[in-house]
């Protein structure tokens, strides 16, 4: 079982990452199998592809104010996190996932 590795610079240039079993989401996530492989020679037809997500953190509110990350709605688990659709681009397809537990600040 080999890790997914880029076959060219295309994945990185598009701010993607090589993953297994990428599932596309219209207008939010693209999966480009040609850009990644588990086989360095490119001979195997494998499950690796370049996952490119288009969930923009508008004005960095999600990260700066909530300490969260913008991600596709399908990847956010409401059981353990807040999934706020108002802080990230792409309508309700993208949400800001952040913890309800405030970040701890240590004072001496």
PDB file of N, CA and C in Angstrom:
ATOM      1  N   UNK A   1       0.848  -1.185   0.000  1.00  0.00           N
ATOM      2  CA  UNK A   1       0.000   0.000   0.000  1.00  0.00           C
ATOM      3  C   UNK A   1       0.889   1.242   0.000  1.00  0.00           C
ATOM      4  N   UNK A   2       0.931   1.914  -1.124  1.00  0.00           N
ATOM      5  CA  UNK A   2       1.816   3.059  -1.268  1.00  0.00           C
ATOM      6  C   UNK A   2       1.089   4.362  -0.964  1.00  0.00           C
ATOM      7  N   UNK A   3       1.824   5.364  -0.458  1.00  0.00           N
ATOM      8  CA  UNK A   3       1.194   6.673  -0.250  1.00  0.00           C
ATOM      9  C   UNK A   3       0.942   7.365  -1.588  1.00  0.00           C
ATOM     10  N   UNK A   4      -0.016   8.278  -1.599  1.00  0.00           N
ATOM     11  CA  UNK A   4      -0.287   9.058  -2.805  1.00  0.00           C
ATOM     12  C   UNK A   4       0.765  10.152  -2.937  1.00  0.00           C
ATOM     13  N   UNK A   5       1.385  10.219  -4.099  1.00  0.00           N
ATOM     14  CA  UNK A   5       2.401  11.241  -4.341  1.00  0.00           C
ATOM     15  C   UNK A   5       2.073  11.996  -5.629  1.00  0.00           C
ATOM     16  N   UNK A   6       2.499  13.251  -5.709  1.00  0.00           N
ATOM     17  CA  UNK A   6       2.247  14.026  -6.924  1.00  0.00           C
ATOM     18  C   UNK A   6       3.021  13.463  -8.112  1.00  0.00           C
ATOM     19  N   UNK A   7       2.415  13.501  -9.292  1.00  0.00           N
ATOM     20  CA  UNK A   7       3.098  13.062 -10.499  1.00  0.00           C
ATOM     21  C   UNK A   7       3.718  14.246 -11.237  1.00  0.00           C
ATOM     22  N   UNK A   8       3.352  15.462 -10.801  1.00  0.00           N
ATOM     23  CA  UNK A   8       3.910  16.688 -11.380  1.00  0.00           C
ATOM     24  C   UNK A   8       3.716  17.797 -10.356  1.00  0.00           C
ATOM     25  N   UNK A   9       4.034  19.036 -10.743  1.00  0.00           N
ATOM     26  CA  UNK A   9       3.838  20.172  -9.839  1.00  0.00           C
ATOM     27  C   UNK A   9       2.410  20.700  -9.864  1.00  0.00           C
ATOM     28  N   UNK A  10       1.583  20.137 -10.753  1.00  0.00           N
ATOM     29  CA  UNK A  10       0.251  20.692 -10.982  1.00  0.00           C
ATOM     30  C   UNK A  10      -0.615  20.715  -9.724  1.00  0.00           C
ATOM     31  N   UNK A  11      -0.549  19.648  -8.936  1.00  0.00           N
ATOM     32  CA  UNK A  11      -1.382  19.583  -7.735  1.00  0.00           C
ATOM     33  C   UNK A  11      -1.015  20.694  -6.750  1.00  0.00           C
ATOM     34  N   UNK A  12       0.268  20.829  -6.467  1.00  0.00           N
ATOM     35  CA  UNK A  12       0.730  21.858  -5.537  1.00  0.00           C
ATOM     36  C   UNK A  12       0.444  23.262  -6.055  1.00  0.00           C
ATOM     37  N   UNK A  13       0.617  23.454  -7.368  1.00  0.00           N
ATOM     38  CA  UNK A  13       0.378  24.773  -7.955  1.00  0.00           C
ATOM     39  C   UNK A  13      -1.084  25.189  -7.834  1.00  0.00           C
ATOM     40  N   UNK A  14      -1.974  24.208  -7.731  1.00  0.00           N
ATOM     41  CA  UNK A  14      -3.394  24.495  -7.584  1.00  0.00           C
ATOM     42  C   UNK A  14      -3.854  24.392  -6.130  1.00  0.00           C
ATOM     43  N   UNK A  15      -2.876  24.430  -5.211  1.00  0.00           N
ATOM     44  CA  UNK A  15      -3.150  24.358  -3.773  1.00  0.00           C
ATOM     45  C   UNK A  15      -3.939  23.110  -3.412  1.00  0.00           C
ATOM     46  N   UNK A  16      -3.573  21.992  -4.060  1.00  0.00           N
ATOM     47  CA  UNK A  16      -4.251  20.733  -3.781  1.00  0.00           C
ATOM     48  C   UNK A  16      -3.392  19.819  -2.941  1.00  0.00           C
ATOM     49  N   UNK A  17      -3.952  18.670  -2.605  1.00  0.00           N
ATOM     50  CA  UNK A  17      -3.194  17.647  -1.904  1.00  0.00           C
ATOM     51  C   UNK A  17      -3.568  16.288  -2.458  1.00  0.00           C
ATOM     52  N   UNK A  18      -2.579  15.382  -2.472  1.00  0.00           N
ATOM     53  CA  UNK A  18      -2.811  14.039  -2.976  1.00  0.00           C
ATOM     54  C   UNK A  18      -3.464  13.187  -1.899  1.00  0.00           C
ATOM     55  N   UNK A  19      -4.623  12.633  -2.236  1.00  0.00           N
ATOM     56  CA  UNK A  19      -5.367  11.812  -1.283  1.00  0.00           C
ATOM     57  C   UNK A  19      -5.928  10.580  -1.983  1.00  0.00           C
ATOM     58  N   UNK A  20      -6.369   9.628  -1.178  1.00  0.00           N
ATOM     59  CA  UNK A  20      -7.054   8.460  -1.718  1.00  0.00           C
ATOM     60  C   UNK A  20      -8.564   8.681  -1.660  1.00  0.00           C
ATOM     61  N   UNK A  21      -9.258   8.137  -2.627  1.00  0.00           N
ATOM     62  CA  UNK A  21     -10.721   8.137  -2.630  1.00  0.00           C
ATOM     63  C   UNK A  21     -11.339   9.531  -2.494  1.00  0.00           C
ATOM     64  N   UNK A  22     -10.862  10.473  -3.284  1.00  0.00           N
ATOM     65  CA  UNK A  22     -11.413  11.828  -3.308  1.00  0.00           C
ATOM     66  C   UNK A  22     -12.818  11.790  -3.914  1.00  0.00           C
ATOM     67  N   UNK A  23     -13.753  12.485  -3.280  1.00  0.00           N
ATOM     68  CA  UNK A  23     -15.122  12.557  -3.784  1.00  0.00           C
ATOM     69  C   UNK A  23     -15.409  13.993  -4.214  1.00  0.00           C
ATOM     70  N   UNK A  24     -15.662  14.213  -5.506  1.00  0.00           N
ATOM     71  CA  UNK A  24     -15.899  15.580  -5.978  1.00  0.00           C
ATOM     72  C   UNK A  24     -17.210  16.167  -5.445  1.00  0.00           C
ATOM     73  N   UNK A  25     -17.216  17.475  -5.217  1.00  0.00           N
ATOM     74  CA  UNK A  25     -18.428  18.204  -4.855  1.00  0.00           C
ATOM     75  C   UNK A  25     -18.534  19.376  -5.823  1.00  0.00           C
ATOM     76  N   UNK A  26     -19.666  19.513  -6.497  1.00  0.00           N
ATOM     77  CA  UNK A  26     -19.848  20.566  -7.504  1.00  0.00           C
ATOM     78  C   UNK A  26     -19.432  21.930  -6.973  1.00  0.00           C
ATOM     79  N   UNK A  27     -18.577  22.610  -7.717  1.00  0.00           N
ATOM     80  CA  UNK A  27     -18.128  23.973  -7.429  1.00  0.00           C
ATOM     81  C   UNK A  27     -17.312  24.121  -6.150  1.00  0.00           C
ATOM     82  N   UNK A  28     -17.073  23.024  -5.425  1.00  0.00           N
ATOM     83  CA  UNK A  28     -16.345  23.126  -4.161  1.00  0.00           C
ATOM     84  C   UNK A  28     -15.081  22.284  -4.169  1.00  0.00           C
ATOM     85  N   UNK A  29     -15.183  21.039  -4.616  1.00  0.00           N
ATOM     86  CA  UNK A  29     -14.022  20.152  -4.591  1.00  0.00           C
ATOM     87  C   UNK A  29     -13.848  19.475  -5.947  1.00  0.00           C
ATOM     88  N   UNK A  30     -12.623  19.610  -6.477  1.00  0.00           N
ATOM     89  CA  UNK A  30     -12.264  18.893  -7.699  1.00  0.00           C
ATOM     90  C   UNK A  30     -11.304  17.781  -7.340  1.00  0.00           C
ATOM     91  N   UNK A  31     -11.387  16.686  -8.080  1.00  0.00           N
ATOM     92  CA  UNK A  31     -10.470  15.571  -7.895  1.00  0.00           C
ATOM     93  C   UNK A  31      -9.818  15.280  -9.242  1.00  0.00           C
ATOM     94  N   UNK A  32      -8.502  15.465  -9.317  1.00  0.00           N
ATOM     95  CA  UNK A  32      -7.793  15.275 -10.579  1.00  0.00           C
ATOM     96  C   UNK A  32      -6.851  14.074 -10.456  1.00  0.00           C
ATOM     97  N   UNK A  33      -7.290  12.901 -10.972  1.00  0.00           N
ATOM     98  CA  UNK A  33      -6.489  11.689 -10.796  1.00  0.00           C
ATOM     99  C   UNK A  33      -5.148  11.723 -11.528  1.00  0.00           C
ATOM    100  N   UNK A  34      -5.047  12.500 -12.589  1.00  0.00           N
ATOM    101  CA  UNK A  34      -3.803  12.528 -13.372  1.00  0.00           C
ATOM    102  C   UNK A  34      -2.636  13.147 -12.599  1.00  0.00           C
ATOM    103  N   UNK A  35      -2.924  13.925 -11.579  1.00  0.00           N
ATOM    104  CA  UNK A  35      -1.875  14.678 -10.885  1.00  0.00           C
ATOM    105  C   UNK A  35      -1.263  13.951  -9.701  1.00  0.00           C
ATOM    106  N   UNK A  36      -1.825  12.785  -9.333  1.00  0.00           N
ATOM    107  CA  UNK A  36      -1.306  12.034  -8.191  1.00  0.00           C
ATOM    108  C   UNK A  36      -1.354  10.540  -8.484  1.00  0.00           C
ATOM    109  N   UNK A  37      -0.478   9.795  -7.812  1.00  0.00           N
ATOM    110  CA  UNK A  37      -0.451   8.356  -8.006  1.00  0.00           C
ATOM    111  C   UNK A  37       0.184   7.681  -6.810  1.00  0.00           C
ATOM    112  N   UNK A  38      -0.199   6.423  -6.570  1.00  0.00           N
ATOM    113  CA  UNK A  38       0.468   5.631  -5.536  1.00  0.00           C
ATOM    114  C   UNK A  38       1.618   4.851  -6.168  1.00  0.00           C
ATOM    115  N   UNK A  39       1.708   4.949  -7.493  1.00  0.00           N
ATOM    116  CA  UNK A  39       2.748   4.236  -8.222  1.00  0.00           C
ATOM    117  C   UNK A  39       3.634   5.244  -8.930  1.00  0.00           C
ATOM    118  N   UNK A  40       4.876   5.400  -8.479  1.00  0.00           N
ATOM    119  CA  UNK A  40       5.776   6.409  -9.062  1.00  0.00           C
ATOM    120  C   UNK A  40       5.952   6.262 -10.579  1.00  0.00           C
ATOM    121  N   UNK A  41       5.785   5.054 -11.091  1.00  0.00           N
ATOM    122  CA  UNK A  41       5.949   4.863 -12.531  1.00  0.00           C
ATOM    123  C   UNK A  41       4.681   5.224 -13.294  1.00  0.00           C
ATOM    124  N   UNK A  42       3.559   5.378 -12.550  1.00  0.00           N
ATOM    125  CA  UNK A  42       2.306   5.767 -13.192  1.00  0.00           C
ATOM    126  C   UNK A  42       1.625   4.618 -13.914  1.00  0.00           C
ATOM    127  N   UNK A  43       2.088   3.386 -13.688  1.00  0.00           N
ATOM    128  CA  UNK A  43       1.512   2.241 -14.382  1.00  0.00           C
ATOM    129  C   UNK A  43       0.190   1.775 -13.777  1.00  0.00           C
ATOM    130  N   UNK A  44       0.091   1.886 -12.459  1.00  0.00           N
ATOM    131  CA  UNK A  44      -1.105   1.403 -11.783  1.00  0.00           C
ATOM    132  C   UNK A  44      -2.282   2.347 -11.970  1.00  0.00           C
ATOM    133  N   UNK A  45      -3.455   1.763 -12.137  1.00  0.00           N
ATOM    134  CA  UNK A  45      -4.674   2.563 -12.098  1.00  0.00           C
ATOM    135  C   UNK A  45      -5.091   2.566 -10.633  1.00  0.00           C
ATOM    136  N   UNK A  46      -4.843   3.661  -9.933  1.00  0.00           N
ATOM    137  CA  UNK A  46      -5.046   3.643  -8.491  1.00  0.00           C
ATOM    138  C   UNK A  46      -6.120   4.624  -8.035  1.00  0.00           C
ATOM    139  N   UNK A  47      -6.287   4.691  -6.727  1.00  0.00           N
ATOM    140  CA  UNK A  47      -7.360   5.493  -6.147  1.00  0.00           C
ATOM    141  C   UNK A  47      -6.895   6.897  -5.750  1.00  0.00           C
ATOM    142  N   UNK A  48      -5.659   7.244  -6.119  1.00  0.00           N
ATOM    143  CA  UNK A  48      -5.129   8.556  -5.736  1.00  0.00           C
ATOM    144  C   UNK A  48      -5.580   9.644  -6.705  1.00  0.00           C
ATOM    145  N   UNK A  49      -5.857  10.811  -6.145  1.00  0.00           N
ATOM    146  CA  UNK A  49      -6.108  11.972  -6.982  1.00  0.00           C
ATOM    147  C   UNK A  49      -5.763  13.233  -6.202  1.00  0.00           C
ATOM    148  N   UNK A  50      -5.659  14.326  -6.937  1.00  0.00           N
ATOM    149  CA  UNK A  50      -5.348  15.615  -6.328  1.00  0.00           C
ATOM    150  C   UNK A  50      -6.657  16.261  -5.894  1.00  0.00           C
ATOM    151  N   UNK A  51      -6.801  16.483  -4.591  1.00  0.00           N
ATOM    152  CA  UNK A  51      -8.007  17.106  -4.044  1.00  0.00           C
ATOM    153  C   UNK A  51      -7.784  18.612  -3.965  1.00  0.00           C
ATOM    154  N   UNK A  52      -8.617  19.354  -4.695  1.00  0.00           N
ATOM    155  CA  UNK A  52      -8.521  20.814  -4.697  1.00  0.00           C
ATOM    156  C   UNK A  52      -9.833  21.370  -4.172  1.00  0.00           C
ATOM    157  N   UNK A  53      -9.752  22.071  -3.055  1.00  0.00           N
ATOM    158  CA  UNK A  53     -10.965  22.618  -2.462  1.00  0.00           C
ATOM    159  C   UNK A  53     -11.009  24.121  -2.626  1.00  0.00           C
ATOM    160  N   UNK A  54     -12.211  24.610  -2.885  1.00  0.00           N
ATOM    161  CA  UNK A  54     -12.426  26.031  -3.108  1.00  0.00           C
ATOM    162  C   UNK A  54     -13.329  26.609  -2.029  1.00  0.00           C
ATOM    163  N   UNK A  55     -12.915  26.463  -0.795  1.00  0.00           N
ATOM    164  CA  UNK A  55     -13.650  27.069   0.311  1.00  0.00           C
ATOM    165  C   UNK A  55     -12.809  28.220   0.829  1.00  0.00           C
ATOM    166  N   UNK A  56     -13.129  29.411   0.384  1.00  0.00           N
ATOM    167  CA  UNK A  56     -12.331  30.572   0.746  1.00  0.00           C
ATOM    168  C   UNK A  56     -12.755  31.125   2.102  1.00  0.00           C
ATOM    169  N   UNK A  57     -11.775  31.484   2.907  1.00  0.00           N
ATOM    170  CA  UNK A  57     -12.028  32.150   4.181  1.00  0.00           C
ATOM    171  C   UNK A  57     -12.131  33.640   3.878  1.00  0.00           C
ATOM    172  N   UNK A  58     -13.373  34.122   3.743  1.00  0.00           N
ATOM    173  CA  UNK A  58     -13.560  35.518   3.352  1.00  0.00           C
ATOM    174  C   UNK A  58     -13.093  36.446   4.472  1.00  0.00           C
ATOM    175  N   UNK A  59     -12.163  37.320   4.137  1.00  0.00           N
ATOM    176  CA  UNK A  59     -11.595  38.280   5.089  1.00  0.00           C
ATOM    177  C   UNK A  59     -10.929  37.600   6.290  1.00  0.00           C
ATOM    178  N   UNK A  60     -10.612  36.313   6.144  1.00  0.00           N
ATOM    179  CA  UNK A  60      -9.951  35.558   7.214  1.00  0.00           C
ATOM    180  C   UNK A  60     -10.706  35.559   8.539  1.00  0.00           C
ATOM    181  N   UNK A  61     -12.032  35.770   8.476  1.00  0.00           N
ATOM    182  CA  UNK A  61     -12.832  35.813   9.703  1.00  0.00           C
ATOM    183  C   UNK A  61     -12.855  34.453  10.391  1.00  0.00           C
ATOM    184  N   UNK A  62     -13.007  33.396   9.606  1.00  0.00           N
ATOM    185  CA  UNK A  62     -13.083  32.051  10.167  1.00  0.00           C
ATOM    186  C   UNK A  62     -11.842  31.728  10.990  1.00  0.00           C
ATOM    187  N   UNK A  63     -10.676  31.960  10.398  1.00  0.00           N
ATOM    188  CA  UNK A  63      -9.422  31.623  11.085  1.00  0.00           C
ATOM    189  C   UNK A  63      -9.097  32.615  12.197  1.00  0.00           C
ATOM    190  N   UNK A  64      -9.182  33.910  11.886  1.00  0.00           N
ATOM    191  CA  UNK A  64      -8.740  34.924  12.839  1.00  0.00           C
ATOM    192  C   UNK A  64      -9.675  35.072  14.043  1.00  0.00           C
ATOM    193  N   UNK A  65     -10.988  35.083  13.792  1.00  0.00           N
ATOM    194  CA  UNK A  65     -11.920  35.331  14.880  1.00  0.00           C
ATOM    195  C   UNK A  65     -12.394  34.064  15.575  1.00  0.00           C
ATOM    196  N   UNK A  66     -12.478  32.969  14.828  1.00  0.00           N
ATOM    197  CA  UNK A  66     -13.021  31.738  15.402  1.00  0.00           C
ATOM    198  C   UNK A  66     -11.958  30.660  15.617  1.00  0.00           C
ATOM    199  N   UNK A  67     -10.765  30.868  15.041  1.00  0.00           N
ATOM    200  CA  UNK A  67      -9.736  29.838  15.139  1.00  0.00           C
ATOM    201  C   UNK A  67     -10.118  28.583  14.362  1.00  0.00           C
ATOM    202  N   UNK A  68     -10.927  28.776  13.327  1.00  0.00           N
ATOM    203  CA  UNK A  68     -11.440  27.648  12.565  1.00  0.00           C
ATOM    204  C   UNK A  68     -10.826  27.513  11.195  1.00  0.00           C
ATOM    205  N   UNK A  69     -11.401  26.623  10.399  1.00  0.00           N
ATOM    206  CA  UNK A  69     -10.926  26.383   9.050  1.00  0.00           C
ATOM    207  C   UNK A  69     -12.121  26.214   8.122  1.00  0.00           C
ATOM    208  N   UNK A  70     -12.011  26.800   6.918  1.00  0.00           N
ATOM    209  CA  UNK A  70     -13.070  26.653   5.929  1.00  0.00           C
ATOM    210  C   UNK A  70     -12.931  25.305   5.236  1.00  0.00           C
ATOM    211  N   UNK A  71     -14.039  24.574   5.137  1.00  0.00           N
ATOM    212  CA  UNK A  71     -14.019  23.260   4.506  1.00  0.00           C
ATOM    213  C   UNK A  71     -15.403  22.959   3.943  1.00  0.00           C
ATOM    214  N   UNK A  72     -15.477  21.967   3.042  1.00  0.00           N
ATOM    215  CA  UNK A  72     -16.783  21.590   2.504  1.00  0.00           C
ATOM    216  C   UNK A  72     -17.728  21.148   3.625  1.00  0.00           C
ATOM    217  N   UNK A  73     -18.987  21.481   3.469  1.00  0.00           N
ATOM    218  CA  UNK A  73     -20.024  21.136   4.435  1.00  0.00           C
ATOM    219  C   UNK A  73     -19.971  19.653   4.804  1.00  0.00           C
ATOM    220  N   UNK A  74     -19.735  18.797   3.808  1.00  0.00           N
ATOM    221  CA  UNK A  74     -19.716  17.346   4.028  1.00  0.00           C
ATOM    222  C   UNK A  74     -18.604  16.901   4.971  1.00  0.00           C
ATOM    223  N   UNK A  75     -17.548  17.705   5.104  1.00  0.00           N
ATOM    224  CA  UNK A  75     -16.405  17.319   5.932  1.00  0.00           C
ATOM    225  C   UNK A  75     -16.508  17.818   7.370  1.00  0.00           C
ATOM    226  N   UNK A  76     -17.529  18.596   7.666  1.00  0.00           N
ATOM    227  CA  UNK A  76     -17.673  19.170   9.011  1.00  0.00           C
ATOM    228  C   UNK A  76     -18.599  18.289   9.841  1.00  0.00           C
ATOM    229  N   UNK A  77     -18.164  17.975  11.054  1.00  0.00           N
ATOM    230  CA  UNK A  77     -18.954  17.123  11.936  1.00  0.00           C
ATOM    231  C   UNK A  77     -19.649  17.962  13.003  1.00  0.00           C
ATOM    232  N   UNK A  78     -20.961  18.188  12.841  1.00  0.00           N
ATOM    233  CA  UNK A  78     -21.686  19.045  13.784  1.00  0.00           C
ATOM    234  C   UNK A  78     -21.760  18.446  15.201  1.00  0.00           C
ATOM    235  N   UNK A  79     -21.417  17.176  15.329  1.00  0.00           N
ATOM    236  CA  UNK A  79     -21.443  16.551  16.652  1.00  0.00           C
ATOM    237  C   UNK A  79     -20.301  17.047  17.532  1.00  0.00           C
ATOM    238  N   UNK A  80     -19.198  17.458  16.904  1.00  0.00           N
ATOM    239  CA  UNK A  80     -18.036  17.876  17.690  1.00  0.00           C
ATOM    240  C   UNK A  80     -17.603  19.314  17.410  1.00  0.00           C
ATOM    241  N   UNK A  81     -18.167  19.943  16.377  1.00  0.00           N
ATOM    242  CA  UNK A  81     -17.739  21.291  15.999  1.00  0.00           C
ATOM    243  C   UNK A  81     -18.932  22.147  15.592  1.00  0.00           C
ATOM    244  N   UNK A  82     -18.693  23.447  15.553  1.00  0.00           N
ATOM    245  CA  UNK A  82     -19.659  24.359  14.951  1.00  0.00           C
ATOM    246  C   UNK A  82     -19.373  24.385  13.456  1.00  0.00           C
ATOM    247  N   UNK A  83     -20.419  24.313  12.625  1.00  0.00           N
ATOM    248  CA  UNK A  83     -20.272  24.358  11.172  1.00  0.00           C
ATOM    249  C   UNK A  83     -21.029  25.580  10.669  1.00  0.00           C
ATOM    250  N   UNK A  84     -20.329  26.712  10.568  1.00  0.00           N
ATOM    251  CA  UNK A  84     -20.970  27.988  10.252  1.00  0.00           C
ATOM    252  C   UNK A  84     -20.832  28.328   8.774  1.00  0.00           C
ATOM    253  N   UNK A  85     -21.960  28.333   8.020  1.00  0.00           N
ATOM    254  CA  UNK A  85     -21.894  28.585   6.587  1.00  0.00           C
ATOM    255  C   UNK A  85     -21.699  30.065   6.224  1.00  0.00           C
ATOM    256  N   UNK A  86     -21.801  30.954   7.203  1.00  0.00           N
ATOM    257  CA  UNK A  86     -21.767  32.385   6.893  1.00  0.00           C
ATOM    258  C   UNK A  86     -20.369  32.973   6.801  1.00  0.00           C
ATOM    259  N   UNK A  87     -19.350  32.227   7.244  1.00  0.00           N
ATOM    260  CA  UNK A  87     -18.008  32.806   7.323  1.00  0.00           C
ATOM    261  C   UNK A  87     -17.102  32.428   6.161  1.00  0.00           C
ATOM    262  N   UNK A  88     -17.572  31.533   5.297  1.00  0.00           N
ATOM    263  CA  UNK A  88     -16.738  31.086   4.188  1.00  0.00           C
ATOM    264  C   UNK A  88     -17.471  31.277   2.864  1.00  0.00           C
ATOM    265  N   UNK A  89     -16.702  31.354   1.787  1.00  0.00           N
ATOM    266  CA  UNK A  89     -17.287  31.567   0.467  1.00  0.00           C
ATOM    267  C   UNK A  89     -18.057  30.354  -0.032  1.00  0.00           C
ATOM    268  N   UNK A  90     -18.647  30.488  -1.210  1.00  0.00           N
ATOM    269  CA  UNK A  90     -19.352  29.395  -1.882  1.00  0.00           C
ATOM    270  C   UNK A  90     -20.677  29.031  -1.238  1.00  0.00           C
ATOM    271  N   UNK A  91     -21.364  30.003  -0.631  1.00  0.00           N
ATOM    272  CA  UNK A  91     -22.680  29.747  -0.076  1.00  0.00           C
ATOM    273  C   UNK A  91     -22.649  28.713   1.030  1.00  0.00           C
ATOM    274  N   UNK A  92     -23.686  27.872   1.092  1.00  0.00           N
ATOM    275  CA  UNK A  92     -23.788  26.885   2.159  1.00  0.00           C
ATOM    276  C   UNK A  92     -22.956  25.638   1.891  1.00  0.00           C
ATOM    277  N   UNK A  93     -22.302  25.569   0.718  1.00  0.00           N
ATOM    278  CA  UNK A  93     -21.480  24.398   0.406  1.00  0.00           C
ATOM    279  C   UNK A  93     -20.221  24.366   1.260  1.00  0.00           C
ATOM    280  N   UNK A  94     -19.782  25.537   1.704  1.00  0.00           N
ATOM    281  CA  UNK A  94     -18.595  25.625   2.548  1.00  0.00           C
ATOM    282  C   UNK A  94     -18.978  26.166   3.913  1.00  0.00           C
ATOM    283  N   UNK A  95     -18.333  25.637   4.935  1.00  0.00           N
ATOM    284  CA  UNK A  95     -18.604  26.090   6.290  1.00  0.00           C
ATOM    285  C   UNK A  95     -17.292  26.372   7.010  1.00  0.00           C
ATOM    286  N   UNK A  96     -17.397  27.178   8.052  1.00  0.00           N
ATOM    287  CA  UNK A  96     -16.260  27.403   8.940  1.00  0.00           C
ATOM    288  C   UNK A  96     -16.416  26.418  10.089  1.00  0.00           C
ATOM    289  N   UNK A  97     -15.474  25.479  10.194  1.00  0.00           N
ATOM    290  CA  UNK A  97     -15.520  24.509  11.282  1.00  0.00           C
ATOM    291  C   UNK A  97     -14.647  25.013  12.418  1.00  0.00           C
ATOM    292  N   UNK A  98     -15.256  25.195  13.580  1.00  0.00           N
ATOM    293  CA  UNK A  98     -14.475  25.622  14.733  1.00  0.00           C
ATOM    294  C   UNK A  98     -15.056  25.021  16.010  1.00  0.00           C
ATOM    295  N   UNK A  99     -14.232  24.983  17.025  1.00  0.00           N
ATOM    296  CA  UNK A  99     -14.623  24.401  18.296  1.00  0.00           C
ATOM    297  C   UNK A  99     -15.382  25.428  19.119  1.00  0.00           C
ATOM    298  N   UNK A 100     -16.344  24.941  19.905  1.00  0.00           N
ATOM    299  CA  UNK A 100     -17.071  25.845  20.787  1.00  0.00           C
ATOM    300  C   UNK A 100     -16.265  26.142  22.041  1.00  0.00           C
ATOM    301  N   UNK A 101     -15.201  25.363  22.250  1.00  0.00           N
ATOM    302  CA  UNK A 101     -14.333  25.597  23.399  1.00  0.00           C
ATOM    303  C   UNK A 101     -13.356  26.708  23.041  1.00  0.00           C
ATOM    304  N   UNK A 102     -13.378  27.810  23.777  1.00  0.00           N
ATOM    305  CA  UNK A 102     -12.472  28.915  23.430  1.00  0.00           C
ATOM    306  C   UNK A 102     -11.009  28.500  23.540  1.00  0.00           C
ATOM    307  N   UNK A 103     -10.191  29.121  22.721  1.00  0.00           N
ATOM    308  CA  UNK A 103      -8.759  28.836  22.761  1.00  0.00           C
ATOM    309  C   UNK A 103      -8.211  29.242  24.125  1.00  0.00           C
ATOM    310  N   UNK A 104      -7.432  28.342  24.718  1.00  0.00           N
ATOM    311  CA  UNK A 104      -6.866  28.646  26.035  1.00  0.00           C
ATOM    312  C   UNK A 104      -5.706  29.622  25.891  1.00  0.00           C
ATOM    313  N   UNK A 105      -5.713  30.593  26.739  1.00  0.00           N
ATOM    314  CA  UNK A 105      -4.594  31.510  26.788  1.00  0.00           C
ATOM    315  C   UNK A 105      -3.953  31.363  28.161  1.00  0.00           C
ATOM    316  N   UNK A 106      -2.648  31.198  28.183  1.00  0.00           N
ATOM    317  CA  UNK A 106      -1.952  30.993  29.443  1.00  0.00           C
ATOM    318  C   UNK A 106      -1.413  32.316  29.975  1.00  0.00           C
ATOM    319  N   UNK A 107      -1.752  32.605  31.213  1.00  0.00           N
ATOM    320  CA  UNK A 107      -1.228  33.817  31.848  1.00  0.00           C
ATOM    321  C   UNK A 107      -0.357  33.391  33.013  1.00  0.00           C
ATOM    322  N   UNK A 108       0.753  34.123  33.191  1.00  0.00           N
ATOM    323  CA  UNK A 108       1.653  33.780  34.294  1.00  0.00           C
ATOM    324  C   UNK A 108       1.285  34.592  35.517  1.00  0.00           C
TER     325      UNK A 108
END
